[in-house]
Every structure is written in structure tokens, then in C-alpha cells.
Amino acid sequence: MLVLTRKIDQSIVIGDNIKIIIVDVRGDQVKLGIEAPKDVSVHREEVYEDIQQENRRAVVSRSINIDELNRLLNRSKNGGC
């Protein structure tokens, strides 16, 4: 892990297109400003973990029985509905 010390209005650059700016520090809280391309998702860790857990649930709930899938594919190849 890289640990850096920054002051208000100083920044950290990640790659070529992500910039993290220290906006404010009050007590044990730090406010960060994040500049990133729109195609880069930026989430608080707890929100990210919730998204990942929901994605795992969606995969499990949509699992398909392979035998049933093969039956449907064979029916489709043979001109059935």
C-alpha cells in the first residue's frame, strides 16, 4: 500500500485520467474530490461491496439447469418452439 501525505487543495493522480483532491480536513474526516472519466465507476467501499453482493445474488438466482438448456436448444434446432 502506498501511503501519501497531502494538504488541503493538494492532489494525487492515478494513471493518466484520475485525480483525487483533498478538499477539507476536519477532525477525523477527510473530504475528497474525485475527477475521473464518466466510464470509471467511483463508489464508497460499503456501496461497492453492496453492489458486488447483489451481483452475486443475481447470478445465483438466474442459474440455468444445463439439461433444460440443452433440451431447449435441441428443440429449437429441430424446428420446435
C-alpha atoms as a PDB file:
ATOM      1  CA  MET A   1       0.000   0.000   0.000  1.00  0.00           C
ATOM      2  CA  LEU A   2       1.242   3.437  -0.897  1.00  0.00           C
ATOM      3  CA  VAL A   3       0.681   5.992   1.877  1.00  0.00           C
ATOM      4  CA  LEU A   4       0.904   9.675   0.959  1.00  0.00           C
ATOM      5  CA  THR A   5       0.589  12.846   2.996  1.00  0.00           C
ATOM      6  CA  ARG A   6      -1.367  15.675   1.368  1.00  0.00           C
ATOM      7  CA  LYS A   7      -2.714  19.035   2.499  1.00  0.00           C
ATOM      8  CA  ILE A   8      -5.948  20.778   1.531  1.00  0.00           C
ATOM      9  CA  ASP A   9      -6.060  21.592  -2.206  1.00  0.00           C
ATOM     10  CA  GLN A  10      -3.228  19.169  -2.947  1.00  0.00           C
ATOM     11  CA  SER A  11      -3.950  16.181  -5.128  1.00  0.00           C
ATOM     12  CA  ILE A  12      -2.952  12.676  -6.144  1.00  0.00           C
ATOM     13  CA  VAL A  13      -3.023  11.499  -9.755  1.00  0.00           C
ATOM     14  CA  ILE A  14      -3.812   7.880 -10.644  1.00  0.00           C
ATOM     15  CA  GLY A  15      -2.890   6.861 -14.160  1.00  0.00           C
ATOM     16  CA  ASP A  16      -3.472   9.494 -16.791  1.00  0.00           C
ATOM     17  CA  ASN A  17      -7.055  10.408 -16.038  1.00  0.00           C
ATOM     18  CA  ILE A  18      -7.986  10.113 -12.354  1.00  0.00           C
ATOM     19  CA  LYS A  19      -7.270  12.911  -9.892  1.00  0.00           C
ATOM     20  CA  ILE A  20      -8.061  12.877  -6.163  1.00  0.00           C
ATOM     21  CA  ILE A  21      -8.074  16.271  -4.461  1.00  0.00           C
ATOM     22  CA  ILE A  22      -8.066  16.917  -0.710  1.00  0.00           C
ATOM     23  CA  VAL A  23     -10.997  19.310  -0.283  1.00  0.00           C
ATOM     24  CA  ASP A  24     -11.257  19.582   3.505  1.00  0.00           C
ATOM     25  CA  VAL A  25      -9.994  18.027   6.725  1.00  0.00           C
ATOM     26  CA  ARG A  26     -11.988  18.335   9.944  1.00  0.00           C
ATOM     27  CA  GLY A  27     -11.115  16.198  12.917  1.00  0.00           C
ATOM     28  CA  ASP A  28     -11.020  12.595  11.783  1.00  0.00           C
ATOM     29  CA  GLN A  29     -12.863  13.243   8.487  1.00  0.00           C
ATOM     30  CA  VAL A  30     -11.313  13.996   5.131  1.00  0.00           C
ATOM     31  CA  LYS A  31     -13.353  15.271   2.172  1.00  0.00           C
ATOM     32  CA  LEU A  32     -12.057  14.148  -1.190  1.00  0.00           C
ATOM     33  CA  GLY A  33     -12.876  15.425  -4.640  1.00  0.00           C
ATOM     34  CA  ILE A  34     -12.509  12.847  -7.393  1.00  0.00           C
ATOM     35  CA  GLU A  35     -12.106  13.705 -11.065  1.00  0.00           C
ATOM     36  CA  ALA A  36     -12.463  10.634 -13.266  1.00  0.00           C
ATOM     37  CA  PRO A  37     -13.862   9.801 -16.695  1.00  0.00           C
ATOM     38  CA  LYS A  38     -17.582   9.046 -16.749  1.00  0.00           C
ATOM     39  CA  ASP A  39     -16.892   5.420 -17.686  1.00  0.00           C
ATOM     40  CA  VAL A  40     -14.967   4.866 -14.418  1.00  0.00           C
ATOM     41  CA  SER A  41     -17.201   3.873 -11.511  1.00  0.00           C
ATOM     42  CA  VAL A  42     -16.388   5.565  -8.216  1.00  0.00           C
ATOM     43  CA  HIS A  43     -18.130   4.270  -5.068  1.00  0.00           C
ATOM     44  CA  ARG A  44     -17.628   4.340  -1.334  1.00  0.00           C
ATOM     45  CA  GLU A  45     -16.323   0.910  -0.317  1.00  0.00           C
ATOM     46  CA  GLU A  46     -19.504  -0.100   1.515  1.00  0.00           C
ATOM     47  CA  VAL A  47     -21.615   0.767  -1.545  1.00  0.00           C
ATOM     48  CA  TYR A  48     -19.221  -1.147  -3.809  1.00  0.00           C
ATOM     49  CA  GLU A  49     -19.487  -4.212  -1.545  1.00  0.00           C
ATOM     50  CA  ASP A  50     -23.310  -3.997  -1.639  1.00  0.00           C
ATOM     51  CA  ILE A  51     -23.226  -3.845  -5.445  1.00  0.00           C
ATOM     52  CA  GLN A  52     -20.912  -6.862  -5.620  1.00  0.00           C
ATOM     53  CA  GLN A  53     -23.110  -8.849  -3.225  1.00  0.00           C
ATOM     54  CA  GLU A  54     -26.230  -8.005  -5.239  1.00  0.00           C
ATOM     55  CA  ASN A  55     -24.457  -9.068  -8.447  1.00  0.00           C
ATOM     56  CA  ARG A  56     -23.547 -12.409  -6.856  1.00  0.00           C
ATOM     57  CA  ARG A  57     -27.187 -12.907  -5.782  1.00  0.00           C
ATOM     58  CA  ALA A  58     -28.378 -12.140  -9.318  1.00  0.00           C
ATOM     59  CA  VAL A  59     -26.041 -14.750 -10.798  1.00  0.00           C
ATOM     60  CA  VAL A  60     -27.197 -17.422  -8.362  1.00  0.00           C
ATOM     61  CA  SER A  61     -30.888 -16.648  -8.863  1.00  0.00           C
ATOM     62  CA  ARG A  62     -30.522 -16.824 -12.649  1.00  0.00           C
ATOM     63  CA  SER A  63     -28.620 -20.091 -12.837  1.00  0.00           C
ATOM     64  CA  ILE A  64     -29.959 -22.359 -15.564  1.00  0.00           C
ATOM     65  CA  ASN A  65     -30.172 -26.110 -15.455  1.00  0.00           C
ATOM     66  CA  ILE A  66     -27.795 -27.302 -18.205  1.00  0.00           C
ATOM     67  CA  ASP A  67     -30.030 -30.269 -19.106  1.00  0.00           C
ATOM     68  CA  GLU A  68     -33.005 -27.939 -19.531  1.00  0.00           C
ATOM     69  CA  LEU A  69     -30.909 -25.582 -21.669  1.00  0.00           C
ATOM     70  CA  ASN A  70     -29.771 -28.451 -23.913  1.00  0.00           C
ATOM     71  CA  ARG A  71     -33.368 -29.643 -24.280  1.00  0.00           C
ATOM     72  CA  LEU A  72     -34.475 -26.155 -25.326  1.00  0.00           C
ATOM     73  CA  LEU A  73     -31.589 -25.779 -27.796  1.00  0.00           C
ATOM     74  CA  ASN A  74     -32.277 -29.179 -29.370  1.00  0.00           C
ATOM     75  CA  ARG A  75     -35.980 -28.370 -29.699  1.00  0.00           C
ATOM     76  CA  SER A  76     -35.034 -25.077 -31.363  1.00  0.00           C
ATOM     77  CA  LYS A  77     -32.678 -26.834 -33.835  1.00  0.00           C
ATOM     78  CA  ASN A  78     -35.386 -29.329 -34.724  1.00  0.00           C
ATOM     79  CA  GLY A  79     -37.870 -26.609 -35.636  1.00  0.00           C
ATOM     80  CA  GLY A  80     -39.815 -26.626 -32.371  1.00  0.00           C
ATOM     81  CA  CYS A  81     -40.819 -23.590 -30.345  1.00  0.00           C
END
